[in-house]
Amino acid sequence: GAAEYVHEPEWPLPGVPPLGIWVDQQNPGAIPDGSCGSPFPTITAAIAAARNTDVIYVRPGRYNCTHNEAPSLVLPQGVSLIGVGGPSVTSIEGIDVVCQT
């Protein structure tokens, strides 16, 4: 038979709390899953895992294309991106960041 398209559920799901997704280019997890103890090495990977209402925490560092980031990042609607420690220690350089509306 023909393949049936399965619709992805709307996020957030009732009763499902938002995730805190972590990024650390200097100390990624051995098997990165975005948890605090095993962060993703790139913002690109964190965005791919993020859903509406999730928060991406970016640990200090300079994130740019030379560190395997995509040249353009699209932040899904409802997802927050937070630089831990503020702009003096955490920066996104030379990358377009677009927020979906």
N, C-alpha and C. Protein backbone atom coordinates (compact mmCIF):
# COMPACT_ATOMS: atom_id res chain seq x y z
N GLY A 1 0.82 -1.18 0.00
CA GLY A 1 0.00 0.00 0.00
C GLY A 1 0.86 1.24 0.00
N ALA A 2 0.20 2.35 -0.18
CA ALA A 2 0.86 3.65 -0.18
C ALA A 2 1.26 4.04 1.23
N ALA A 3 2.36 4.73 1.33
CA ALA A 3 2.82 5.21 2.64
C ALA A 3 1.86 6.27 3.14
N GLU A 4 1.57 6.23 4.40
CA GLU A 4 0.68 7.21 5.01
C GLU A 4 1.51 8.26 5.71
N TYR A 5 1.19 9.53 5.47
CA TYR A 5 1.91 10.63 6.11
C TYR A 5 1.46 10.74 7.55
N VAL A 6 2.41 10.77 8.46
CA VAL A 6 2.10 10.92 9.87
C VAL A 6 2.40 12.36 10.26
N HIS A 7 1.38 13.05 10.74
CA HIS A 7 1.55 14.44 11.15
C HIS A 7 2.29 14.51 12.48
N GLU A 8 3.26 15.41 12.53
CA GLU A 8 3.98 15.63 13.78
C GLU A 8 3.04 16.36 14.73
N PRO A 9 3.05 15.99 16.01
CA PRO A 9 2.14 16.66 16.95
C PRO A 9 2.51 18.12 17.13
N GLU A 10 1.53 18.91 17.49
CA GLU A 10 1.78 20.32 17.78
C GLU A 10 2.55 20.42 19.09
N TRP A 11 3.48 21.35 19.14
CA TRP A 11 4.24 21.58 20.36
C TRP A 11 3.86 22.92 20.92
N PRO A 12 3.80 23.14 22.19
CA PRO A 12 4.11 22.15 23.21
C PRO A 12 2.95 21.19 23.44
N LEU A 13 3.29 19.99 23.80
CA LEU A 13 2.28 19.01 24.17
C LEU A 13 1.83 19.28 25.60
N PRO A 14 0.55 19.15 25.87
CA PRO A 14 0.08 19.38 27.25
C PRO A 14 0.82 18.46 28.22
N GLY A 15 1.34 19.03 29.28
CA GLY A 15 2.02 18.25 30.31
C GLY A 15 3.47 17.92 30.01
N VAL A 16 3.97 18.34 28.83
CA VAL A 16 5.37 18.07 28.49
C VAL A 16 6.16 19.36 28.69
N PRO A 17 7.06 19.39 29.68
CA PRO A 17 7.79 20.62 29.95
C PRO A 17 8.81 20.92 28.84
N PRO A 18 9.15 22.20 28.67
CA PRO A 18 10.18 22.53 27.68
C PRO A 18 11.53 21.95 28.09
N LEU A 19 12.35 21.67 27.08
CA LEU A 19 13.69 21.15 27.34
C LEU A 19 14.69 22.29 27.49
N GLY A 20 15.69 22.07 28.31
CA GLY A 20 16.86 22.92 28.33
C GLY A 20 17.91 22.19 27.50
N ILE A 21 18.28 22.76 26.36
CA ILE A 21 19.25 22.13 25.45
C ILE A 21 20.57 22.89 25.58
N TRP A 22 21.65 22.16 25.81
CA TRP A 22 22.95 22.78 26.06
C TRP A 22 23.90 22.64 24.89
N VAL A 23 24.73 23.69 24.70
CA VAL A 23 25.76 23.72 23.65
C VAL A 23 27.08 24.12 24.30
N ASP A 24 28.13 23.39 23.97
CA ASP A 24 29.47 23.75 24.45
C ASP A 24 30.49 23.27 23.42
N GLN A 25 31.00 24.19 22.61
CA GLN A 25 31.93 23.81 21.54
C GLN A 25 33.27 23.33 22.10
N GLN A 26 33.64 23.77 23.30
CA GLN A 26 34.93 23.42 23.85
C GLN A 26 34.91 22.09 24.61
N ASN A 27 33.75 21.72 25.15
CA ASN A 27 33.63 20.49 25.94
C ASN A 27 32.34 19.74 25.62
N PRO A 28 32.16 19.34 24.35
CA PRO A 28 30.94 18.61 24.01
C PRO A 28 30.94 17.23 24.67
N GLY A 29 29.78 16.66 24.78
CA GLY A 29 29.68 15.32 25.34
C GLY A 29 30.28 14.29 24.42
N ALA A 30 30.73 13.17 24.99
CA ALA A 30 31.28 12.08 24.18
C ALA A 30 30.23 11.57 23.20
N ILE A 31 29.01 11.47 23.67
CA ILE A 31 27.86 11.15 22.81
C ILE A 31 26.87 12.28 23.08
N PRO A 32 27.00 13.41 22.36
CA PRO A 32 26.20 14.59 22.66
C PRO A 32 24.70 14.34 22.49
N ASP A 33 23.95 14.71 23.53
CA ASP A 33 22.50 14.60 23.45
C ASP A 33 21.82 15.91 23.83
N GLY A 34 22.61 16.95 24.08
CA GLY A 34 22.05 18.26 24.42
C GLY A 34 21.77 18.45 25.90
N SER A 35 22.05 17.42 26.70
CA SER A 35 21.86 17.57 28.15
C SER A 35 22.98 18.43 28.71
N CYS A 36 22.81 18.87 29.95
CA CYS A 36 23.83 19.69 30.60
C CYS A 36 25.16 18.95 30.69
N GLY A 37 25.12 17.65 30.96
CA GLY A 37 26.34 16.86 31.10
C GLY A 37 26.92 16.35 29.80
N SER A 38 26.13 16.41 28.71
CA SER A 38 26.61 15.93 27.41
C SER A 38 26.10 16.88 26.31
N PRO A 39 26.60 18.13 26.33
CA PRO A 39 26.07 19.14 25.41
C PRO A 39 26.43 18.89 23.95
N PHE A 40 25.63 19.51 23.08
CA PHE A 40 25.94 19.49 21.65
C PHE A 40 27.17 20.36 21.40
N PRO A 41 27.96 20.06 20.36
CA PRO A 41 29.13 20.88 20.06
C PRO A 41 28.79 22.14 19.27
N THR A 42 27.59 22.19 18.68
CA THR A 42 27.22 23.34 17.85
C THR A 42 25.79 23.81 18.13
N ILE A 43 25.55 25.09 17.87
CA ILE A 43 24.20 25.65 17.95
C ILE A 43 23.34 25.00 16.88
N THR A 44 23.95 24.71 15.73
CA THR A 44 23.24 24.07 14.61
C THR A 44 22.59 22.76 15.08
N ALA A 45 23.34 21.93 15.81
CA ALA A 45 22.81 20.66 16.30
C ALA A 45 21.71 20.88 17.33
N ALA A 46 21.87 21.89 18.18
CA ALA A 46 20.86 22.18 19.20
C ALA A 46 19.55 22.63 18.56
N ILE A 47 19.64 23.47 17.53
CA ILE A 47 18.43 23.93 16.84
C ILE A 47 17.71 22.76 16.19
N ALA A 48 18.46 21.83 15.62
CA ALA A 48 17.85 20.66 14.99
C ALA A 48 17.05 19.82 15.99
N ALA A 49 17.46 19.86 17.26
CA ALA A 49 16.78 19.07 18.30
C ALA A 49 15.68 19.84 19.02
N ALA A 50 15.59 21.14 18.81
CA ALA A 50 14.69 22.00 19.58
C ALA A 50 13.26 21.96 19.06
N ARG A 51 12.35 22.13 20.00
CA ARG A 51 10.91 22.24 19.73
C ARG A 51 10.39 23.50 20.38
N ASN A 52 9.18 23.90 20.00
CA ASN A 52 8.54 25.08 20.56
C ASN A 52 8.59 25.06 22.08
N THR A 53 8.98 26.15 22.67
CA THR A 53 9.15 26.44 24.11
C THR A 53 10.48 25.96 24.68
N ASP A 54 11.31 25.23 23.92
CA ASP A 54 12.62 24.81 24.42
C ASP A 54 13.55 26.01 24.56
N VAL A 55 14.54 25.87 25.42
CA VAL A 55 15.54 26.92 25.63
C VAL A 55 16.90 26.33 25.32
N ILE A 56 17.65 26.99 24.43
CA ILE A 56 19.01 26.57 24.08
C ILE A 56 19.98 27.45 24.86
N TYR A 57 20.78 26.81 25.72
CA TYR A 57 21.79 27.51 26.52
C TYR A 57 23.14 27.31 25.86
N VAL A 58 23.77 28.40 25.44
CA VAL A 58 25.06 28.35 24.75
C VAL A 58 26.15 28.74 25.74
N ARG A 59 27.01 27.78 26.06
CA ARG A 59 28.10 28.06 27.00
C ARG A 59 29.14 28.98 26.36
N PRO A 60 29.95 29.64 27.17
CA PRO A 60 30.91 30.61 26.66
C PRO A 60 31.79 30.08 25.53
N GLY A 61 32.03 30.95 24.56
CA GLY A 61 32.85 30.64 23.40
C GLY A 61 32.49 31.56 22.25
N ARG A 62 33.26 31.47 21.18
CA ARG A 62 33.00 32.22 19.95
C ARG A 62 32.47 31.22 18.93
N TYR A 63 31.21 31.33 18.58
CA TYR A 63 30.56 30.40 17.67
C TYR A 63 30.51 31.05 16.28
N ASN A 64 31.14 30.39 15.31
CA ASN A 64 31.19 30.92 13.95
C ASN A 64 31.36 29.76 12.97
N CYS A 65 31.43 30.08 11.69
CA CYS A 65 31.51 29.04 10.65
C CYS A 65 32.78 28.21 10.74
N THR A 66 33.85 28.75 11.30
CA THR A 66 35.08 27.96 11.42
C THR A 66 34.97 26.91 12.51
N HIS A 67 33.92 26.97 13.32
CA HIS A 67 33.67 25.97 14.37
C HIS A 67 32.46 25.10 14.01
N ASN A 68 32.33 24.78 12.71
CA ASN A 68 31.30 23.87 12.20
C ASN A 68 29.87 24.36 12.34
N GLU A 69 29.66 25.65 12.50
CA GLU A 69 28.30 26.18 12.50
C GLU A 69 27.86 26.43 11.07
N ALA A 70 26.57 26.32 10.83
CA ALA A 70 26.01 26.66 9.52
C ALA A 70 26.12 28.17 9.35
N PRO A 71 26.24 28.67 8.10
CA PRO A 71 26.35 30.11 7.89
C PRO A 71 25.06 30.87 8.19
N SER A 72 23.96 30.15 8.26
CA SER A 72 22.67 30.77 8.57
C SER A 72 21.90 29.82 9.48
N LEU A 73 21.42 30.33 10.59
CA LEU A 73 20.66 29.51 11.54
C LEU A 73 19.24 30.03 11.61
N VAL A 74 18.27 29.12 11.56
CA VAL A 74 16.87 29.50 11.68
C VAL A 74 16.36 28.99 13.01
N LEU A 75 16.05 29.91 13.90
CA LEU A 75 15.57 29.57 15.22
C LEU A 75 14.06 29.33 15.14
N PRO A 76 13.60 28.11 15.44
CA PRO A 76 12.16 27.82 15.34
C PRO A 76 11.33 28.72 16.25
N GLN A 77 10.10 28.95 15.84
CA GLN A 77 9.19 29.77 16.62
C GLN A 77 9.06 29.20 18.03
N GLY A 78 9.15 30.07 19.02
CA GLY A 78 8.98 29.66 20.41
C GLY A 78 10.23 29.14 21.08
N VAL A 79 11.34 29.02 20.35
CA VAL A 79 12.60 28.53 20.92
C VAL A 79 13.45 29.73 21.32
N SER A 80 14.01 29.68 22.53
CA SER A 80 14.86 30.76 23.01
C SER A 80 16.33 30.36 22.92
N LEU A 81 17.18 31.33 22.65
CA LEU A 81 18.62 31.12 22.54
C LEU A 81 19.29 32.05 23.56
N ILE A 82 19.99 31.48 24.53
CA ILE A 82 20.57 32.27 25.60
C ILE A 82 22.07 32.02 25.67
N GLY A 83 22.85 33.09 25.62
CA GLY A 83 24.30 33.01 25.78
C GLY A 83 24.65 33.03 27.26
N VAL A 84 25.16 31.93 27.78
CA VAL A 84 25.52 31.84 29.19
C VAL A 84 26.71 32.77 29.46
N GLY A 85 26.58 33.62 30.46
CA GLY A 85 27.65 34.54 30.80
C GLY A 85 27.58 35.86 30.07
N GLY A 86 26.67 35.99 29.11
CA GLY A 86 26.48 37.25 28.41
C GLY A 86 27.42 37.44 27.23
N PRO A 87 27.24 38.57 26.51
CA PRO A 87 27.99 38.80 25.26
C PRO A 87 29.49 39.00 25.43
N SER A 88 29.95 39.28 26.62
CA SER A 88 31.40 39.46 26.79
C SER A 88 32.15 38.14 26.71
N VAL A 89 31.47 37.01 26.94
CA VAL A 89 32.13 35.71 26.90
C VAL A 89 31.49 34.72 25.92
N THR A 90 30.27 35.01 25.46
CA THR A 90 29.58 34.12 24.53
C THR A 90 29.13 34.94 23.33
N SER A 91 29.61 34.57 22.13
CA SER A 91 29.24 35.35 20.94
C SER A 91 28.99 34.45 19.74
N ILE A 92 28.08 34.92 18.89
CA ILE A 92 27.80 34.29 17.60
C ILE A 92 28.29 35.28 16.56
N GLU A 93 29.31 34.89 15.78
CA GLU A 93 29.98 35.82 14.87
C GLU A 93 29.89 35.36 13.43
N GLY A 94 29.51 36.28 12.54
CA GLY A 94 29.50 35.99 11.11
C GLY A 94 28.43 35.01 10.68
N ILE A 95 27.41 34.82 11.49
CA ILE A 95 26.33 33.89 11.19
C ILE A 95 25.02 34.66 11.23
N ASP A 96 24.18 34.50 10.22
CA ASP A 96 22.85 35.07 10.23
C ASP A 96 21.96 34.21 11.11
N VAL A 97 21.29 34.82 12.05
CA VAL A 97 20.32 34.11 12.89
C VAL A 97 18.95 34.67 12.58
N VAL A 98 18.06 33.82 12.07
CA VAL A 98 16.72 34.24 11.69
C VAL A 98 15.73 33.57 12.61
N CYS A 99 14.78 34.34 13.12
CA CYS A 99 13.75 33.79 14.00
C CYS A 99 12.48 33.57 13.19
N GLN A 100 11.94 32.34 13.23
CA GLN A 100 10.68 32.06 12.55
C GLN A 100 9.54 32.74 13.31
N THR A 101 8.58 33.23 12.54
CA THR A 101 7.42 33.85 13.19
C THR A 101 6.17 33.10 12.87
